[in-house]
């Protein structure tokens, strides 16, 4: 996504980046800080409201990442999220950090081809 098209949404009290909104034709999308689509809506105000209300909450819960070395998808939880990289921890299917499956992974420039909400 071109940087010039993203409109950042920051929290008022401390300026923390919550996510972005982006116009897509006649509709708008609310996106995480690493540009994963949270929701598509009809207007700019709705997109901003989604990011403000759900931007950080959307990062919680189960995700799946593609491990290029194994050529397979694995369950994970996000530990840290930045604009150009996301740090995840591989979990079991229930979201527990099982020592047998544990792996810390840095995903650079995540897309829906490498990181998906489960």
PDB file of N, CA and C in Angstrom:
ATOM      1  N   UNK A   1       0.849  -1.165   0.000  1.00  0.00           N
ATOM      2  CA  UNK A   1       0.000   0.000   0.000  1.00  0.00           C
ATOM      3  C   UNK A   1       0.892   1.224   0.000  1.00  0.00           C
ATOM      4  N   UNK A   2       0.691   2.129  -0.927  1.00  0.00           N
ATOM      5  CA  UNK A   2       1.516   3.342  -0.968  1.00  0.00           C
ATOM      6  C   UNK A   2       1.357   4.164   0.313  1.00  0.00           C
ATOM      7  N   UNK A   3       2.485   4.600   0.847  1.00  0.00           N
ATOM      8  CA  UNK A   3       2.486   5.380   2.087  1.00  0.00           C
ATOM      9  C   UNK A   3       1.609   6.612   1.984  1.00  0.00           C
ATOM     10  N   UNK A   4       1.571   7.246   0.813  1.00  0.00           N
ATOM     11  CA  UNK A   4       0.819   8.487   0.657  1.00  0.00           C
ATOM     12  C   UNK A   4      -0.685   8.269   0.754  1.00  0.00           C
ATOM     13  N   UNK A   5      -1.155   7.053   0.578  1.00  0.00           N
ATOM     14  CA  UNK A   5      -2.579   6.772   0.609  1.00  0.00           C
ATOM     15  C   UNK A   5      -3.078   6.402   2.000  1.00  0.00           C
ATOM     16  N   UNK A   6      -2.189   5.972   2.875  1.00  0.00           N
ATOM     17  CA  UNK A   6      -2.573   5.576   4.228  1.00  0.00           C
ATOM     18  C   UNK A   6      -2.802   6.818   5.077  1.00  0.00           C
ATOM     19  N   UNK A   7      -3.879   6.810   5.836  1.00  0.00           N
ATOM     20  CA  UNK A   7      -4.135   7.891   6.779  1.00  0.00           C
ATOM     21  C   UNK A   7      -3.958   7.300   8.171  1.00  0.00           C
ATOM     22  N   UNK A   8      -2.933   7.713   8.910  1.00  0.00           N
ATOM     23  CA  UNK A   8      -2.704   7.144  10.240  1.00  0.00           C
ATOM     24  C   UNK A   8      -3.765   7.619  11.236  1.00  0.00           C
ATOM     25  N   UNK A   9      -4.129   6.722  12.133  1.00  0.00           N
ATOM     26  CA  UNK A   9      -5.056   7.036  13.215  1.00  0.00           C
ATOM     27  C   UNK A   9      -4.295   6.835  14.520  1.00  0.00           C
ATOM     28  N   UNK A  10      -4.127   7.925  15.259  1.00  0.00           N
ATOM     29  CA  UNK A  10      -3.384   7.879  16.515  1.00  0.00           C
ATOM     30  C   UNK A  10      -4.320   8.108  17.692  1.00  0.00           C
ATOM     31  N   UNK A  11      -3.947   7.509  18.821  1.00  0.00           N
ATOM     32  CA  UNK A  11      -4.705   7.730  20.051  1.00  0.00           C
ATOM     33  C   UNK A  11      -4.401   9.139  20.543  1.00  0.00           C
ATOM     34  N   UNK A  12      -5.426   9.869  20.945  1.00  0.00           N
ATOM     35  CA  UNK A  12      -5.277  11.262  21.322  1.00  0.00           C
ATOM     36  C   UNK A  12      -4.404  11.508  22.525  1.00  0.00           C
ATOM     37  N   UNK A  13      -4.557  10.728  23.585  1.00  0.00           N
ATOM     38  CA  UNK A  13      -3.851  11.026  24.830  1.00  0.00           C
ATOM     39  C   UNK A  13      -2.347  10.794  24.777  1.00  0.00           C
ATOM     40  N   UNK A  14      -1.886   9.825  24.001  1.00  0.00           N
ATOM     41  CA  UNK A  14      -0.440   9.574  23.966  1.00  0.00           C
ATOM     42  C   UNK A  14       0.139   9.481  22.550  1.00  0.00           C
ATOM     43  N   UNK A  15      -0.699   9.626  21.554  1.00  0.00           N
ATOM     44  CA  UNK A  15      -0.218   9.615  20.182  1.00  0.00           C
ATOM     45  C   UNK A  15       0.120   8.244  19.625  1.00  0.00           C
ATOM     46  N   UNK A  16      -0.192   7.166  20.355  1.00  0.00           N
ATOM     47  CA  UNK A  16       0.131   5.824  19.876  1.00  0.00           C
ATOM     48  C   UNK A  16      -0.619   5.527  18.582  1.00  0.00           C
ATOM     49  N   UNK A  17       0.091   4.965  17.617  1.00  0.00           N
ATOM     50  CA  UNK A  17      -0.516   4.573  16.357  1.00  0.00           C
ATOM     51  C   UNK A  17      -1.445   3.396  16.600  1.00  0.00           C
ATOM     52  N   UNK A  18      -2.709   3.543  16.202  1.00  0.00           N
ATOM     53  CA  UNK A  18      -3.704   2.488  16.371  1.00  0.00           C
ATOM     54  C   UNK A  18      -3.907   1.688  15.093  1.00  0.00           C
ATOM     55  N   UNK A  19      -3.637   2.321  13.972  1.00  0.00           N
ATOM     56  CA  UNK A  19      -3.835   1.688  12.679  1.00  0.00           C
ATOM     57  C   UNK A  19      -3.962   2.746  11.609  1.00  0.00           C
ATOM     58  N   UNK A  20      -4.505   2.343  10.475  1.00  0.00           N
ATOM     59  CA  UNK A  20      -4.650   3.234   9.324  1.00  0.00           C
ATOM     60  C   UNK A  20      -6.033   3.085   8.730  1.00  0.00           C
ATOM     61  N   UNK A  21      -6.428   4.091   7.969  1.00  0.00           N
ATOM     62  CA  UNK A  21      -7.593   3.957   7.109  1.00  0.00           C
ATOM     63  C   UNK A  21      -7.118   4.234   5.684  1.00  0.00           C
ATOM     64  N   UNK A  22      -7.848   3.666   4.750  1.00  0.00           N
ATOM     65  CA  UNK A  22      -7.446   3.757   3.350  1.00  0.00           C
ATOM     66  C   UNK A  22      -8.691   3.758   2.483  1.00  0.00           C
ATOM     67  N   UNK A  23      -8.764   4.689   1.544  1.00  0.00           N
ATOM     68  CA  UNK A  23      -9.882   4.696   0.608  1.00  0.00           C
ATOM     69  C   UNK A  23      -9.623   3.665  -0.473  1.00  0.00           C
ATOM     70  N   UNK A  24     -10.654   2.868  -0.744  1.00  0.00           N
ATOM     71  CA  UNK A  24     -10.578   1.827  -1.780  1.00  0.00           C
ATOM     72  C   UNK A  24     -11.756   2.022  -2.718  1.00  0.00           C
ATOM     73  N   UNK A  25     -11.562   2.806  -3.744  1.00  0.00           N
ATOM     74  CA  UNK A  25     -12.672   3.134  -4.638  1.00  0.00           C
ATOM     75  C   UNK A  25     -13.665   4.007  -3.894  1.00  0.00           C
ATOM     76  N   UNK A  26     -14.917   3.564  -3.823  1.00  0.00           N
ATOM     77  CA  UNK A  26     -15.933   4.343  -3.116  1.00  0.00           C
ATOM     78  C   UNK A  26     -16.070   3.912  -1.653  1.00  0.00           C
ATOM     79  N   UNK A  27     -15.351   2.888  -1.246  1.00  0.00           N
ATOM     80  CA  UNK A  27     -15.413   2.392   0.135  1.00  0.00           C
ATOM     81  C   UNK A  27     -14.118   2.732   0.878  1.00  0.00           C
ATOM     82  N   UNK A  28     -14.075   2.385   2.141  1.00  0.00           N
ATOM     83  CA  UNK A  28     -12.901   2.613   2.988  1.00  0.00           C
ATOM     84  C   UNK A  28     -12.563   1.326   3.728  1.00  0.00           C
ATOM     85  N   UNK A  29     -11.289   1.174   4.065  1.00  0.00           N
ATOM     86  CA  UNK A  29     -10.897   0.027   4.888  1.00  0.00           C
ATOM     87  C   UNK A  29     -10.206   0.521   6.145  1.00  0.00           C
ATOM     88  N   UNK A  30     -10.463  -0.193   7.228  1.00  0.00           N
ATOM     89  CA  UNK A  30      -9.777   0.019   8.499  1.00  0.00           C
ATOM     90  C   UNK A  30      -8.695  -1.037   8.567  1.00  0.00           C
ATOM     91  N   UNK A  31      -7.465  -0.628   8.922  1.00  0.00           N
ATOM     92  CA  UNK A  31      -6.331  -1.552   8.879  1.00  0.00           C
ATOM     93  C   UNK A  31      -5.500  -1.476  10.144  1.00  0.00           C
ATOM     94  N   UNK A  32      -4.812  -2.566  10.435  1.00  0.00           N
ATOM     95  CA  UNK A  32      -3.911  -2.606  11.583  1.00  0.00           C
ATOM     96  C   UNK A  32      -2.696  -1.743  11.312  1.00  0.00           C
ATOM     97  N   UNK A  33      -1.810  -1.656  12.293  1.00  0.00           N
ATOM     98  CA  UNK A  33      -0.600  -0.855  12.093  1.00  0.00           C
ATOM     99  C   UNK A  33       0.320  -1.450  11.031  1.00  0.00           C
ATOM    100  N   UNK A  34       0.160  -2.738  10.734  1.00  0.00           N
ATOM    101  CA  UNK A  34       0.958  -3.336   9.660  1.00  0.00           C
ATOM    102  C   UNK A  34       0.105  -3.592   8.418  1.00  0.00           C
ATOM    103  N   UNK A  35      -1.041  -2.887   8.336  1.00  0.00           N
ATOM    104  CA  UNK A  35      -1.895  -2.803   7.147  1.00  0.00           C
ATOM    105  C   UNK A  35      -2.759  -4.023   6.863  1.00  0.00           C
ATOM    106  N   UNK A  36      -2.959  -4.919   7.808  1.00  0.00           N
ATOM    107  CA  UNK A  36      -3.887  -6.026   7.634  1.00  0.00           C
ATOM    108  C   UNK A  36      -5.311  -5.467   7.738  1.00  0.00           C
ATOM    109  N   UNK A  37      -6.194  -5.881   6.865  1.00  0.00           N
ATOM    110  CA  UNK A  37      -7.555  -5.354   6.852  1.00  0.00           C
ATOM    111  C   UNK A  37      -8.326  -5.846   8.080  1.00  0.00           C
ATOM    112  N   UNK A  38      -8.877  -4.887   8.828  1.00  0.00           N
ATOM    113  CA  UNK A  38      -9.758  -5.200   9.958  1.00  0.00           C
ATOM    114  C   UNK A  38     -11.193  -5.276   9.451  1.00  0.00           C
ATOM    115  N   UNK A  39     -11.587  -4.263   8.681  1.00  0.00           N
ATOM    116  CA  UNK A  39     -12.953  -4.205   8.146  1.00  0.00           C
ATOM    117  C   UNK A  39     -12.991  -3.278   6.947  1.00  0.00           C
ATOM    118  N   UNK A  40     -13.965  -3.514   6.076  1.00  0.00           N
ATOM    119  CA  UNK A  40     -14.248  -2.607   4.974  1.00  0.00           C
ATOM    120  C   UNK A  40     -15.606  -1.977   5.256  1.00  0.00           C
ATOM    121  N   UNK A  41     -15.669  -0.658   5.120  1.00  0.00           N
ATOM    122  CA  UNK A  41     -16.890   0.079   5.445  1.00  0.00           C
ATOM    123  C   UNK A  41     -17.185   1.095   4.345  1.00  0.00           C
ATOM    124  N   UNK A  42     -18.322   1.777   4.468  1.00  0.00           N
ATOM    125  CA  UNK A  42     -18.749   2.659   3.389  1.00  0.00           C
ATOM    126  C   UNK A  42     -18.195   4.078   3.472  1.00  0.00           C
ATOM    127  N   UNK A  43     -17.774   4.531   4.658  1.00  0.00           N
ATOM    128  CA  UNK A  43     -17.304   5.909   4.733  1.00  0.00           C
ATOM    129  C   UNK A  43     -16.084   6.051   5.642  1.00  0.00           C
ATOM    130  N   UNK A  44     -15.431   7.187   5.488  1.00  0.00           N
ATOM    131  CA  UNK A  44     -14.193   7.479   6.199  1.00  0.00           C
ATOM    132  C   UNK A  44     -14.387   7.494   7.714  1.00  0.00           C
ATOM    133  N   UNK A  45     -15.460   8.120   8.183  1.00  0.00           N
ATOM    134  CA  UNK A  45     -15.711   8.196   9.626  1.00  0.00           C
ATOM    135  C   UNK A  45     -15.899   6.816  10.246  1.00  0.00           C
ATOM    136  N   UNK A  46     -16.591   5.927   9.543  1.00  0.00           N
ATOM    137  CA  UNK A  46     -16.784   4.564  10.041  1.00  0.00           C
ATOM    138  C   UNK A  46     -15.464   3.815  10.113  1.00  0.00           C
ATOM    139  N   UNK A  47     -14.622   4.007   9.099  1.00  0.00           N
ATOM    140  CA  UNK A  47     -13.315   3.344   9.093  1.00  0.00           C
ATOM    141  C   UNK A  47     -12.480   3.830  10.267  1.00  0.00           C
ATOM    142  N   UNK A  48     -12.491   5.138  10.509  1.00  0.00           N
ATOM    143  CA  UNK A  48     -11.727   5.680  11.631  1.00  0.00           C
ATOM    144  C   UNK A  48     -12.260   5.141  12.962  1.00  0.00           C
ATOM    145  N   UNK A  49     -13.575   5.034  13.095  1.00  0.00           N
ATOM    146  CA  UNK A  49     -14.158   4.517  14.327  1.00  0.00           C
ATOM    147  C   UNK A  49     -13.748   3.057  14.559  1.00  0.00           C
ATOM    148  N   UNK A  50     -13.718   2.260  13.504  1.00  0.00           N
ATOM    149  CA  UNK A  50     -13.289   0.865  13.628  1.00  0.00           C
ATOM    150  C   UNK A  50     -11.851   0.801  14.129  1.00  0.00           C
ATOM    151  N   UNK A  51     -10.971   1.603  13.552  1.00  0.00           N
ATOM    152  CA  UNK A  51      -9.565   1.589  13.977  1.00  0.00           C
ATOM    153  C   UNK A  51      -9.450   2.030  15.436  1.00  0.00           C
ATOM    154  N   UNK A  52     -10.145   3.088  15.809  1.00  0.00           N
ATOM    155  CA  UNK A  52     -10.073   3.574  17.196  1.00  0.00           C
ATOM    156  C   UNK A  52     -10.611   2.550  18.190  1.00  0.00           C
ATOM    157  N   UNK A  53     -11.692   1.865  17.833  1.00  0.00           N
ATOM    158  CA  UNK A  53     -12.326   0.924  18.751  1.00  0.00           C
ATOM    159  C   UNK A  53     -11.716  -0.470  18.726  1.00  0.00           C
ATOM    160  N   UNK A  54     -11.187  -0.879  17.571  1.00  0.00           N
ATOM    161  CA  UNK A  54     -10.754  -2.267  17.415  1.00  0.00           C
ATOM    162  C   UNK A  54      -9.307  -2.445  16.974  1.00  0.00           C
ATOM    163  N   UNK A  55      -8.626  -1.359  16.633  1.00  0.00           N
ATOM    164  CA  UNK A  55      -7.286  -1.476  16.063  1.00  0.00           C
ATOM    165  C   UNK A  55      -6.321  -2.300  16.885  1.00  0.00           C
ATOM    166  N   UNK A  56      -6.205  -1.996  18.167  1.00  0.00           N
ATOM    167  CA  UNK A  56      -5.278  -2.747  19.026  1.00  0.00           C
ATOM    168  C   UNK A  56      -5.889  -4.071  19.475  1.00  0.00           C
ATOM    169  N   UNK A  57      -7.192  -4.100  19.719  1.00  0.00           N
ATOM    170  CA  UNK A  57      -7.850  -5.348  20.134  1.00  0.00           C
ATOM    171  C   UNK A  57      -7.770  -6.416  19.057  1.00  0.00           C
ATOM    172  N   UNK A  58      -7.791  -5.990  17.799  1.00  0.00           N
ATOM    173  CA  UNK A  58      -7.747  -6.930  16.682  1.00  0.00           C
ATOM    174  C   UNK A  58      -6.453  -7.737  16.665  1.00  0.00           C
ATOM    175  N   UNK A  59      -5.396  -7.180  17.238  1.00  0.00           N
ATOM    176  CA  UNK A  59      -4.103  -7.868  17.250  1.00  0.00           C
ATOM    177  C   UNK A  59      -4.092  -9.045  18.218  1.00  0.00           C
ATOM    178  N   UNK A  60      -5.002  -9.053  19.169  1.00  0.00           N
ATOM    179  CA  UNK A  60      -5.053 -10.135  20.146  1.00  0.00           C
ATOM    180  C   UNK A  60      -5.648 -11.388  19.515  1.00  0.00           C
ATOM    181  N   UNK A  61      -5.526 -12.473  20.213  1.00  0.00           N
ATOM    182  CA  UNK A  61      -6.116 -13.722  19.743  1.00  0.00           C
ATOM    183  C   UNK A  61      -5.196 -14.501  18.825  1.00  0.00           C
ATOM    184  N   UNK A  62      -5.779 -15.475  18.206  1.00  0.00           N
ATOM    185  CA  UNK A  62      -5.015 -16.393  17.363  1.00  0.00           C
ATOM    186  C   UNK A  62      -4.829 -15.856  15.952  1.00  0.00           C
ATOM    187  N   UNK A  63      -3.624 -16.067  15.448  1.00  0.00           N
ATOM    188  CA  UNK A  63      -3.241 -15.750  14.088  1.00  0.00           C
ATOM    189  C   UNK A  63      -2.593 -16.986  13.493  1.00  0.00           C
ATOM    190  N   UNK A  64      -2.288 -16.938  12.222  1.00  0.00           N
ATOM    191  CA  UNK A  64      -1.527 -17.999  11.557  1.00  0.00           C
ATOM    192  C   UNK A  64      -0.458 -17.313  10.709  1.00  0.00           C
ATOM    193  N   UNK A  65       0.741 -17.869  10.758  1.00  0.00           N
ATOM    194  CA  UNK A  65       1.813 -17.327   9.927  1.00  0.00           C
ATOM    195  C   UNK A  65       2.358 -18.424   9.038  1.00  0.00           C
ATOM    196  N   UNK A  66       2.883 -18.002   7.896  1.00  0.00           N
ATOM    197  CA  UNK A  66       3.463 -18.931   6.948  1.00  0.00           C
ATOM    198  C   UNK A  66       4.955 -18.994   7.176  1.00  0.00           C
ATOM    199  N   UNK A  67       5.443 -20.192   7.475  1.00  0.00           N
ATOM    200  CA  UNK A  67       6.868 -20.401   7.685  1.00  0.00           C
ATOM    201  C   UNK A  67       7.469 -20.818   6.343  1.00  0.00           C
ATOM    202  N   UNK A  68       8.253 -19.936   5.765  1.00  0.00           N
ATOM    203  CA  UNK A  68       8.820 -20.204   4.446  1.00  0.00           C
ATOM    204  C   UNK A  68       9.776 -21.387   4.446  1.00  0.00           C
ATOM    205  N   UNK A  69      10.489 -21.599   5.543  1.00  0.00           N
ATOM    206  CA  UNK A  69      11.418 -22.726   5.612  1.00  0.00           C
ATOM    207  C   UNK A  69      10.661 -24.054   5.606  1.00  0.00           C
ATOM    208  N   UNK A  70       9.560 -24.119   6.345  1.00  0.00           N
ATOM    209  CA  UNK A  70       8.766 -25.351   6.427  1.00  0.00           C
ATOM    210  C   UNK A  70       7.708 -25.443   5.334  1.00  0.00           C
ATOM    211  N   UNK A  71       7.439 -24.306   4.687  1.00  0.00           N
ATOM    212  CA  UNK A  71       6.376 -24.223   3.687  1.00  0.00           C
ATOM    213  C   UNK A  71       5.042 -24.699   4.257  1.00  0.00           C
ATOM    214  N   UNK A  72       4.715 -24.142   5.429  1.00  0.00           N
ATOM    215  CA  UNK A  72       3.472 -24.523   6.094  1.00  0.00           C
ATOM    216  C   UNK A  72       2.983 -23.375   6.968  1.00  0.00           C
ATOM    217  N   UNK A  73       1.693 -23.398   7.282  1.00  0.00           N
ATOM    218  CA  UNK A  73       1.077 -22.403   8.158  1.00  0.00           C
ATOM    219  C   UNK A  73       1.062 -22.926   9.588  1.00  0.00           C
ATOM    220  N   UNK A  74       1.306 -22.018  10.559  1.00  0.00           N
ATOM    221  CA  UNK A  74       1.330 -22.387  11.960  1.00  0.00           C
ATOM    222  C   UNK A  74       0.510 -21.403  12.793  1.00  0.00           C
ATOM    223  N   UNK A  75      -0.119 -21.893  13.852  1.00  0.00           N
ATOM    224  CA  UNK A  75      -0.826 -20.979  14.755  1.00  0.00           C
ATOM    225  C   UNK A  75       0.180 -20.154  15.548  1.00  0.00           C
ATOM    226  N   UNK A  76      -0.225 -18.929  15.874  1.00  0.00           N
ATOM    227  CA  UNK A  76       0.671 -18.058  16.621  1.00  0.00           C
ATOM    228  C   UNK A  76      -0.125 -16.963  17.322  1.00  0.00           C
ATOM    229  N   UNK A  77       0.561 -16.247  18.190  1.00  0.00           N
ATOM    230  CA  UNK A  77       0.029 -15.029  18.803  1.00  0.00           C
ATOM    231  C   UNK A  77       1.037 -13.919  18.521  1.00  0.00           C
ATOM    232  N   UNK A  78       0.511 -12.714  18.376  1.00  0.00           N
ATOM    233  CA  UNK A  78       1.378 -11.559  18.133  1.00  0.00           C
ATOM    234  C   UNK A  78       1.914 -11.064  19.462  1.00  0.00           C
ATOM    235  N   UNK A  79       3.217 -10.915  19.547  1.00  0.00           N
ATOM    236  CA  UNK A  79       3.863 -10.372  20.745  1.00  0.00           C
ATOM    237  C   UNK A  79       4.159  -8.892  20.594  1.00  0.00           C
ATOM    238  N   UNK A  80       4.590  -8.474  19.399  1.00  0.00           N
ATOM    239  CA  UNK A  80       4.864  -7.068  19.116  1.00  0.00           C
ATOM    240  C   UNK A  80       4.498  -6.798  17.668  1.00  0.00           C
ATOM    241  N   UNK A  81       3.944  -5.601  17.425  1.00  0.00           N
ATOM    242  CA  UNK A  81       3.571  -5.238  16.068  1.00  0.00           C
ATOM    243  C   UNK A  81       4.076  -3.841  15.751  1.00  0.00           C
ATOM    244  N   UNK A  82       4.698  -3.728  14.607  1.00  0.00           N
ATOM    245  CA  UNK A  82       5.218  -2.467  14.104  1.00  0.00           C
ATOM    246  C   UNK A  82       4.760  -2.333  12.662  1.00  0.00           C
ATOM    247  N   UNK A  83       5.001  -1.184  12.073  1.00  0.00           N
ATOM    248  CA  UNK A  83       4.553  -0.960  10.699  1.00  0.00           C
ATOM    249  C   UNK A  83       5.186  -1.931   9.705  1.00  0.00           C
ATOM    250  N   UNK A  84       6.457  -2.239   9.866  1.00  0.00           N
ATOM    251  CA  UNK A  84       7.135  -3.061   8.866  1.00  0.00           C
ATOM    252  C   UNK A  84       7.542  -4.440   9.367  1.00  0.00           C
ATOM    253  N   UNK A  85       7.195  -4.761  10.600  1.00  0.00           N
ATOM    254  CA  UNK A  85       7.501  -6.108  11.089  1.00  0.00           C
ATOM    255  C   UNK A  85       6.576  -6.462  12.257  1.00  0.00           C
ATOM    256  N   UNK A  86       6.356  -7.758  12.378  1.00  0.00           N
ATOM    257  CA  UNK A  86       5.534  -8.293  13.455  1.00  0.00           C
ATOM    258  C   UNK A  86       6.299  -9.454  14.078  1.00  0.00           C
ATOM    259  N   UNK A  87       6.328  -9.477  15.398  1.00  0.00           N
ATOM    260  CA  UNK A  87       6.980 -10.571  16.110  1.00  0.00           C
ATOM    261  C   UNK A  87       5.882 -11.473  16.648  1.00  0.00           C
ATOM    262  N   UNK A  88       5.937 -12.743  16.264  1.00  0.00           N
ATOM    263  CA  UNK A  88       4.946 -13.718  16.705  1.00  0.00           C
ATOM    264  C   UNK A  88       5.640 -14.849  17.451  1.00  0.00           C
ATOM    265  N   UNK A  89       4.841 -15.567  18.223  1.00  0.00           N
ATOM    266  CA  UNK A  89       5.315 -16.774  18.883  1.00  0.00           C
ATOM    267  C   UNK A  89       4.412 -17.916  18.433  1.00  0.00           C
ATOM    268  N   UNK A  90       5.052 -18.962  17.908  1.00  0.00           N
ATOM    269  CA  UNK A  90       4.299 -20.144  17.484  1.00  0.00           C
ATOM    270  C   UNK A  90       3.675 -20.790  18.708  1.00  0.00           C
ATOM    271  N   UNK A  91       2.434 -21.197  18.566  1.00  0.00           N
ATOM    272  CA  UNK A  91       1.711 -21.848  19.660  1.00  0.00           C
ATOM    273  C   UNK A  91       1.135 -23.165  19.169  1.00  0.00           C
ATOM    274  N   UNK A  92       0.450 -23.858  20.073  1.00  0.00           N
ATOM    275  CA  UNK A  92      -0.312 -25.004  19.610  1.00  0.00           C
ATOM    276  C   UNK A  92      -1.654 -24.486  19.092  1.00  0.00           C
ATOM    277  N   UNK A  93      -2.522 -25.359  18.637  1.00  0.00           N
ATOM    278  CA  UNK A  93      -3.792 -24.945  18.027  1.00  0.00           C
ATOM    279  C   UNK A  93      -4.716 -24.235  19.014  1.00  0.00           C
ATOM    280  N   UNK A  94      -4.494 -24.402  20.315  1.00  0.00           N
ATOM    281  CA  UNK A  94      -5.320 -23.755  21.330  1.00  0.00           C
ATOM    282  C   UNK A  94      -4.741 -22.405  21.768  1.00  0.00           C
ATOM    283  N   UNK A  95      -3.587 -22.044  21.256  1.00  0.00           N
ATOM    284  CA  UNK A  95      -2.997 -20.763  21.576  1.00  0.00           C
ATOM    285  C   UNK A  95      -2.033 -20.783  22.746  1.00  0.00           C
ATOM    286  N   UNK A  96      -1.698 -21.969  23.226  1.00  0.00           N
ATOM    287  CA  UNK A  96      -0.764 -22.061  24.344  1.00  0.00           C
ATOM    288  C   UNK A  96       0.665 -22.182  23.828  1.00  0.00           C
ATOM    289  N   UNK A  97       1.579 -21.545  24.528  1.00  0.00           N
ATOM    290  CA  UNK A  97       2.990 -21.596  24.157  1.00  0.00           C
ATOM    291  C   UNK A  97       3.590 -22.908  24.665  1.00  0.00           C
ATOM    292  N   UNK A  98       3.372 -23.931  23.925  1.00  0.00           N
ATOM    293  CA  UNK A  98       3.849 -25.272  24.234  1.00  0.00           C
ATOM    294  C   UNK A  98       5.337 -25.350  23.910  1.00  0.00           C
ATOM    295  N   UNK A  99       6.186 -25.755  24.882  1.00  0.00           N
ATOM    296  CA  UNK A  99       7.636 -25.829  24.615  1.00  0.00           C
ATOM    297  C   UNK A  99       7.984 -26.695  23.405  1.00  0.00           C
ATOM    298  N   UNK A 100       7.136 -27.656  23.113  1.00  0.00           N
ATOM    299  CA  UNK A 100       7.385 -28.544  21.975  1.00  0.00           C
ATOM    300  C   UNK A 100       7.244 -27.802  20.635  1.00  0.00           C
ATOM    301  N   UNK A 101       6.369 -26.805  20.591  1.00  0.00           N
ATOM    302  CA  UNK A 101       6.100 -26.071  19.359  1.00  0.00           C
ATOM    303  C   UNK A 101       6.653 -24.644  19.365  1.00  0.00           C
ATOM    304  N   UNK A 102       7.214 -24.222  20.488  1.00  0.00           N
ATOM    305  CA  UNK A 102       7.606 -22.819  20.647  1.00  0.00           C
ATOM    306  C   UNK A 102       8.634 -22.386  19.607  1.00  0.00           C
ATOM    307  N   UNK A 103       8.373 -21.240  19.043  1.00  0.00           N
ATOM    308  CA  UNK A 103       9.315 -20.641  18.107  1.00  0.00           C
ATOM    309  C   UNK A 103       8.963 -19.162  18.018  1.00  0.00           C
ATOM    310  N   UNK A 104       9.941 -18.295  18.181  1.00  0.00           N
ATOM    311  CA  UNK A 104       9.761 -16.845  18.040  1.00  0.00           C
ATOM    312  C   UNK A 104      10.145 -16.491  16.615  1.00  0.00           C
ATOM    313  N   UNK A 105       9.253 -15.777  15.919  1.00  0.00           N
ATOM    314  CA  UNK A 105       9.467 -15.490  14.507  1.00  0.00           C
ATOM    315  C   UNK A 105       9.257 -13.997  14.251  1.00  0.00           C
ATOM    316  N   UNK A 106      10.143 -13.410  13.473  1.00  0.00           N
ATOM    317  CA  UNK A 106       9.990 -12.025  13.042  1.00  0.00           C
ATOM    318  C   UNK A 106       9.532 -12.055  11.590  1.00  0.00           C
ATOM    319  N   UNK A 107       8.366 -11.471  11.342  1.00  0.00           N
ATOM    320  CA  UNK A 107       7.822 -11.412   9.988  1.00  0.00           C
ATOM    321  C   UNK A 107       8.020  -9.989   9.483  1.00  0.00           C
ATOM    322  N   UNK A 108       8.827  -9.861   8.480  1.00  0.00           N
ATOM    323  CA  UNK A 108       9.105  -8.538   7.923  1.00  0.00           C
ATOM    324  C   UNK A 108       8.099  -8.213   6.820  1.00  0.00           C
ATOM    325  N   UNK A 109       7.584  -6.999   6.847  1.00  0.00           N
ATOM    326  CA  UNK A 109       6.589  -6.542   5.875  1.00  0.00           C
ATOM    327  C   UNK A 109       5.476  -7.576   5.682  1.00  0.00           C
ATOM    328  N   UNK A 110       4.747  -7.882   6.758  1.00  0.00           N
ATOM    329  CA  UNK A 110       3.717  -8.922   6.669  1.00  0.00           C
ATOM    330  C   UNK A 110       2.604  -8.566   5.686  1.00  0.00           C
ATOM    331  N   UNK A 111       2.127  -9.582   4.986  1.00  0.00           N
ATOM    332  CA  UNK A 111       0.982  -9.454   4.085  1.00  0.00           C
ATOM    333  C   UNK A 111       0.045 -10.606   4.408  1.00  0.00           C
ATOM    334  N   UNK A 112      -1.069 -10.665   3.723  1.00  0.00           N
ATOM    335  CA  UNK A 112      -1.989 -11.770   3.941  1.00  0.00           C
ATOM    336  C   UNK A 112      -1.429 -13.089   3.412  1.00  0.00           C
ATOM    337  N   UNK A 113      -0.316 -13.036   2.700  1.00  0.00           N
ATOM    338  CA  UNK A 113       0.339 -14.256   2.238  1.00  0.00           C
ATOM    339  C   UNK A 113       1.276 -14.811   3.307  1.00  0.00           C
ATOM    340  N   UNK A 114       1.541 -14.016   4.379  1.00  0.00           N
ATOM    341  CA  UNK A 114       2.448 -14.476   5.414  1.00  0.00           C
ATOM    342  C   UNK A 114       1.853 -14.431   6.826  1.00  0.00           C
ATOM    343  N   UNK A 115       0.763 -13.685   7.022  1.00  0.00           N
ATOM    344  CA  UNK A 115       0.163 -13.557   8.355  1.00  0.00           C
ATOM    345  C   UNK A 115      -1.331 -13.311   8.220  1.00  0.00           C
ATOM    346  N   UNK A 116      -2.128 -14.189   8.839  1.00  0.00           N
ATOM    347  CA  UNK A 116      -3.586 -14.101   8.765  1.00  0.00           C
ATOM    348  C   UNK A 116      -4.217 -14.226  10.133  1.00  0.00           C
ATOM    349  N   UNK A 117      -5.301 -13.507  10.348  1.00  0.00           N
ATOM    350  CA  UNK A 117      -6.089 -13.663  11.561  1.00  0.00           C
ATOM    351  C   UNK A 117      -6.781 -15.010  11.492  1.00  0.00           C
ATOM    352  N   UNK A 118      -6.687 -15.801  12.542  1.00  0.00           N
ATOM    353  CA  UNK A 118      -7.297 -17.145  12.544  1.00  0.00           C
ATOM    354  C   UNK A 118      -8.781 -17.071  12.833  1.00  0.00           C
TER     355      UNK A 118
END
